[in-house]
Protein backbone atom coordinates (compact mmCIF):
# COMPACT_ATOMS: atom_id res chain seq x y z
CA MET A 1 -9.68 45.45 -161.80
CA ASN A 2 -10.16 49.37 -162.11
CA GLU A 3 -10.46 51.04 -158.63
CA ARG A 4 -12.43 53.83 -160.12
CA ILE A 5 -15.82 54.08 -161.41
CA THR A 6 -17.72 56.82 -163.30
CA VAL A 7 -21.19 57.60 -162.12
CA TYR A 8 -23.69 60.24 -163.54
CA VAL A 9 -25.36 62.70 -161.28
CA ASN A 10 -27.95 64.87 -163.12
CA ASN A 11 -26.22 63.49 -166.42
CA GLU A 12 -22.68 65.05 -165.18
CA PRO A 13 -19.98 62.49 -165.01
CA VAL A 14 -18.44 62.00 -161.42
CA GLU A 15 -15.47 59.78 -160.84
CA LEU A 16 -15.41 57.65 -157.73
CA TYR A 17 -13.52 55.01 -155.93
CA ARG A 18 -15.20 51.62 -156.24
CA GLY A 19 -17.24 51.07 -153.06
CA MET A 20 -18.32 54.59 -152.49
CA GLU A 21 -22.05 55.57 -151.92
CA VAL A 22 -24.81 58.00 -153.08
CA ARG A 23 -23.49 60.64 -150.59
CA HIS A 24 -19.99 60.55 -152.13
CA ALA A 25 -21.17 61.13 -155.62
CA LEU A 26 -23.32 64.09 -154.38
CA ILE A 27 -20.33 65.56 -152.54
CA SER A 28 -18.30 65.08 -155.55
CA TYR A 29 -20.88 66.63 -157.80
CA GLY A 30 -21.50 69.65 -155.49
CA ARG A 31 -21.56 69.83 -151.69
CA SER A 32 -24.68 71.84 -151.76
CA SER A 33 -26.63 68.98 -153.29
CA TYR A 34 -25.53 66.71 -150.44
CA GLU A 35 -26.43 69.17 -147.94
CA ALA A 36 -29.85 69.70 -149.56
CA ALA A 37 -30.31 65.73 -149.53
CA LYS A 38 -29.40 65.69 -145.78
CA ALA A 39 -31.85 68.46 -145.07
CA GLY A 40 -34.63 66.72 -146.85
CA LEU A 41 -34.85 69.46 -149.53
CA ILE A 42 -34.19 67.10 -152.28
CA PHE A 43 -34.33 63.26 -152.81
CA ILE A 44 -32.19 61.08 -155.01
CA VAL A 45 -33.66 58.58 -157.68
CA ASP A 46 -31.98 56.15 -159.98
CA GLU A 47 -32.47 56.19 -163.77
CA ASN A 48 -35.68 54.12 -163.30
CA GLY A 49 -37.20 56.53 -160.70
CA PHE A 50 -36.59 54.36 -157.77
CA PRO A 51 -35.57 56.46 -154.62
CA LEU A 52 -32.02 55.91 -153.19
CA GLY A 53 -30.66 56.60 -149.63
CA LEU A 54 -27.61 58.43 -149.22
CA GLU A 55 -25.93 55.18 -148.13
CA GLY A 56 -27.02 53.39 -151.36
CA SER A 57 -24.24 51.69 -153.34
CA LEU A 58 -23.18 52.53 -156.91
CA SER A 59 -21.92 50.79 -159.85
CA ASP A 60 -20.02 51.80 -162.81
CA GLY A 61 -22.11 53.78 -165.15
CA ALA A 62 -24.95 54.15 -162.67
CA LYS A 63 -27.22 57.33 -163.21
CA ILE A 64 -28.64 59.25 -160.27
CA PHE A 65 -30.98 62.34 -160.17
CA SER A 66 -31.99 64.81 -157.76
CA LYS A 67 -35.54 65.71 -157.37
CA THR A 68 -37.00 68.65 -155.46
CA VAL A 69 -39.35 67.81 -152.53
CA ALA A 70 -42.87 69.09 -153.26
CA ARG A 71 -43.96 71.75 -150.71
CA LYS A 72 -47.37 72.01 -149.20
CA PRO A 73 -48.97 75.16 -149.98
CA ALA A 74 -49.30 77.59 -146.99
CA GLU A 75 -52.62 77.44 -145.20
CA ASP A 76 -54.56 80.66 -144.78
């Protein structure tokens, strides 16, 4: 069994060890993405649009995408 898997973050391949989580994929993709997700500025969805937590599991070939959190307009 291969100990490494490839997942796609915003269509960019990221190689991880089997058993790693969404947070590891974000860190490998770019630490700023992980920090933004932790801060609630972005959220992560799978290829079907379902939200994923940072502790979510990944399988070989998984595709995840970051989405910007909508901001409320400033009140006058």
